[in-house]
C-alpha atoms as a PDB file:
ATOM      1  CA  MET A   1      86.982 200.103  86.812  1.00  0.00           C
ATOM      2  CA  ASP A   2      87.350 202.473  83.945  1.00  0.00           C
ATOM      3  CA  ASP A   3      85.794 201.967  80.538  1.00  0.00           C
ATOM      4  CA  MET A   4      89.098 200.871  78.966  1.00  0.00           C
ATOM      5  CA  ILE A   5      88.936 197.621  80.932  1.00  0.00           C
ATOM      6  CA  TRP A   6      85.355 196.792  79.933  1.00  0.00           C
ATOM      7  CA  ASP A   7      86.097 197.759  76.333  1.00  0.00           C
ATOM      8  CA  ALA A   8      89.187 195.525  76.297  1.00  0.00           C
ATOM      9  CA  ALA A   9      87.147 192.528  77.498  1.00  0.00           C
ATOM     10  CA  ARG A  10      84.601 193.150  74.741  1.00  0.00           C
ATOM     11  CA  ARG A  11      87.335 193.563  72.113  1.00  0.00           C
ATOM     12  CA  TRP A  12      89.078 190.348  73.185  1.00  0.00           C
ATOM     13  CA  LYS A  13      85.760 188.489  73.053  1.00  0.00           C
ATOM     14  CA  GLU A  14      85.159 189.782  69.523  1.00  0.00           C
ATOM     15  CA  PHE A  15      88.731 188.905  68.484  1.00  0.00           C
ATOM     16  CA  LEU A  16      88.347 185.356  69.806  1.00  0.00           C
ATOM     17  CA  ASP A  17      84.925 185.003  68.196  1.00  0.00           C
ATOM     18  CA  ASP A  18      86.360 186.017  64.817  1.00  0.00           C
ATOM     19  CA  ARG A  19      89.451 183.868  65.161  1.00  0.00           C
ATOM     20  CA  ASN A  20      88.099 180.739  66.878  1.00  0.00           C
ATOM     21  CA  GLY A  21      84.338 180.844  66.472  1.00  0.00           C
ATOM     22  CA  THR A  22      81.755 180.526  69.217  1.00  0.00           C
ATOM     23  CA  ASP A  23      80.821 176.854  69.313  1.00  0.00           C
ATOM     24  CA  PRO A  24      80.465 175.090  72.678  1.00  0.00           C
ATOM     25  CA  LEU A  25      84.022 173.706  72.512  1.00  0.00           C
ATOM     26  CA  GLU A  26      85.449 177.213  72.067  1.00  0.00           C
ATOM     27  CA  LEU A  27      83.379 178.541  74.974  1.00  0.00           C
ATOM     28  CA  THR A  28      84.548 175.581  77.065  1.00  0.00           C
ATOM     29  CA  CYS A  29      88.167 176.465  76.268  1.00  0.00           C
ATOM     30  CA  ARG A  30      87.587 180.085  77.291  1.00  0.00           C
ATOM     31  CA  ILE A  31      86.207 178.932  80.630  1.00  0.00           C
ATOM     32  CA  MET A  32      89.041 176.417  81.080  1.00  0.00           C
ATOM     33  CA  LYS A  33      91.531 179.238  80.365  1.00  0.00           C
ATOM     34  CA  ILE A  34      90.487 180.736  83.720  1.00  0.00           C
ATOM     35  CA  THR A  35      91.741 177.574  85.423  1.00  0.00           C
ATOM     36  CA  GLU A  36      95.001 177.762  83.496  1.00  0.00           C
ATOM     37  CA  GLU A  37      95.522 181.347  84.627  1.00  0.00           C
ATOM     38  CA  ALA A  38      94.633 180.409  88.224  1.00  0.00           C
ATOM     39  CA  GLY A  39      97.277 177.679  88.029  1.00  0.00           C
ATOM     40  CA  GLU A  40      99.826 180.271  86.961  1.00  0.00           C
ATOM     41  CA  ALA A  41      98.858 182.403  89.966  1.00  0.00           C
ATOM     42  CA  ALA A  42      99.341 179.399  92.237  1.00  0.00           C
ATOM     43  CA  GLN A  43     102.680 178.659  90.596  1.00  0.00           C
ATOM     44  CA  ALA A  44     103.800 182.244  91.155  1.00  0.00           C
ATOM     45  CA  TRP A  45     102.762 182.062  94.828  1.00  0.00           C
ATOM     46  CA  ILE A  46     104.697 178.812  95.260  1.00  0.00           C
ATOM     47  CA  GLY A  47     107.659 180.528  93.586  1.00  0.00           C
ATOM     48  CA  LEU A  48     107.337 183.519  95.897  1.00  0.00           C
ATOM     49  CA  LEU A  49     107.408 181.227  98.937  1.00  0.00           C
ATOM     50  CA  GLY A  50     110.306 179.186  97.559  1.00  0.00           C
ATOM     51  CA  GLN A  51     108.351 175.994  98.112  1.00  0.00           C
ATOM     52  CA  ASN A  52     110.130 174.142  95.320  1.00  0.00           C
ATOM     53  CA  PRO A  53     113.505 173.285  96.899  1.00  0.00           C
ATOM     54  CA  ARG A  54     115.033 172.646  93.479  1.00  0.00           C
ATOM     55  CA  LYS A  55     114.125 176.144  92.226  1.00  0.00           C
ATOM     56  CA  GLY A  56     114.096 178.298  95.348  1.00  0.00           C
ATOM     57  CA  VAL A  57     112.448 181.717  95.251  1.00  0.00           C
ATOM     58  CA  THR A  58     111.477 182.418  91.636  1.00  0.00           C
ATOM     59  CA  HIS A  59     108.665 185.002  91.807  1.00  0.00           C
ATOM     60  CA  THR A  60     107.778 188.303  93.422  1.00  0.00           C
ATOM     61  CA  THR A  61     104.570 189.692  94.888  1.00  0.00           C
ATOM     62  CA  ASP A  62     104.191 191.707  91.686  1.00  0.00           C
ATOM     63  CA  ASP A  63     104.311 188.448  89.698  1.00  0.00           C
ATOM     64  CA  VAL A  64     101.514 186.996  91.832  1.00  0.00           C
ATOM     65  CA  VAL A  65      99.419 190.150  91.500  1.00  0.00           C
ATOM     66  CA  GLY A  66      99.882 190.103  87.737  1.00  0.00           C
ATOM     67  CA  GLU A  67      98.797 186.479  87.513  1.00  0.00           C
ATOM     68  CA  LEU A  68      95.738 187.149  89.668  1.00  0.00           C
ATOM     69  CA  ALA A  69      94.840 190.065  87.404  1.00  0.00           C
ATOM     70  CA  ASP A  70      95.122 187.670  84.439  1.00  0.00           C
ATOM     71  CA  VAL A  71      92.540 185.449  86.159  1.00  0.00           C
ATOM     72  CA  VAL A  72      90.141 188.372  86.570  1.00  0.00           C
ATOM     73  CA  PHE A  73      90.510 189.597  82.995  1.00  0.00           C
ATOM     74  CA  THR A  74      90.223 186.092  81.531  1.00  0.00           C
ATOM     75  CA  ALA A  75      87.020 185.594  83.530  1.00  0.00           C
ATOM     76  CA  MET A  76      85.666 188.900  82.195  1.00  0.00           C
ATOM     77  CA  VAL A  77      86.280 187.723  78.622  1.00  0.00           C
ATOM     78  CA  ALA A  78      84.585 184.387  79.375  1.00  0.00           C
ATOM     79  CA  ILE A  79      81.575 186.158  80.916  1.00  0.00           C
ATOM     80  CA  SER A  80      81.292 188.332  77.815  1.00  0.00           C
ATOM     81  CA  SER A  81      81.649 185.241  75.616  1.00  0.00           C
ATOM     82  CA  LEU A  82      78.571 183.753  77.290  1.00  0.00           C
ATOM     83  CA  GLY A  83      76.562 186.784  76.217  1.00  0.00           C
ATOM     84  CA  ALA A  84      76.518 188.407  79.640  1.00  0.00           C
ATOM     85  CA  ASP A  85      77.720 191.835  80.670  1.00  0.00           C
ATOM     86  CA  PRO A  86      80.881 191.440  82.793  1.00  0.00           C
ATOM     87  CA  ARG A  87      80.308 194.836  84.432  1.00  0.00           C
ATOM     88  CA  LYS A  88      76.862 193.764  85.642  1.00  0.00           C
ATOM     89  CA  ALA A  89      78.079 190.293  86.636  1.00  0.00           C
ATOM     90  CA  ILE A  90      80.899 191.727  88.746  1.00  0.00           C
ATOM     91  CA  HIS A  91      78.625 194.373  90.241  1.00  0.00           C
ATOM     92  CA  ASP A  92      76.089 191.686  91.196  1.00  0.00           C
ATOM     93  CA  VAL A  93      78.674 189.419  92.816  1.00  0.00           C
ATOM     94  CA  VAL A  94      80.196 192.320  94.757  1.00  0.00           C
ATOM     95  CA  ALA A  95      76.741 193.341  95.989  1.00  0.00           C
ATOM     96  CA  LYS A  96      76.102 189.741  97.043  1.00  0.00           C
ATOM     97  CA  ALA A  97      79.477 189.484  98.799  1.00  0.00           C
ATOM     98  CA  ASN A  98      78.879 192.796 100.566  1.00  0.00           C
ATOM     99  CA  GLY A  99      75.632 191.385 101.891  1.00  0.00           C
ATOM    100  CA  TYR A 100      77.625 188.823 103.880  1.00  0.00           C
ATOM    101  CA  LEU A 101      79.675 191.475 105.671  1.00  0.00           C
ATOM    102  CA  PRO A 102      78.535 192.735 109.048  1.00  0.00           C
ATOM    103  CA  ALA A 103      76.816 196.110 108.889  1.00  0.00           C
END
């Protein structure tokens, strides 16, 4: 990922720190925001499949992709908010996941 993405996560963390503080409740809300965004991704997928008979097809693949990207970015901000480096955290989890793949 290019530096703009990492910089944006840092800037959003700083913005939220300035606006909302950094107490445990605020950090809890930032972590819970990931679940909210994941729910929106699930809602978009349900809308893509037309699984709500009352609404029919309401979303596109692009909508789902956008919502999933929201999940990733929101998690990056939460990681940064916990004092960790999101770039390192993502690198470490990818290295771990790659270790499960057959050689």
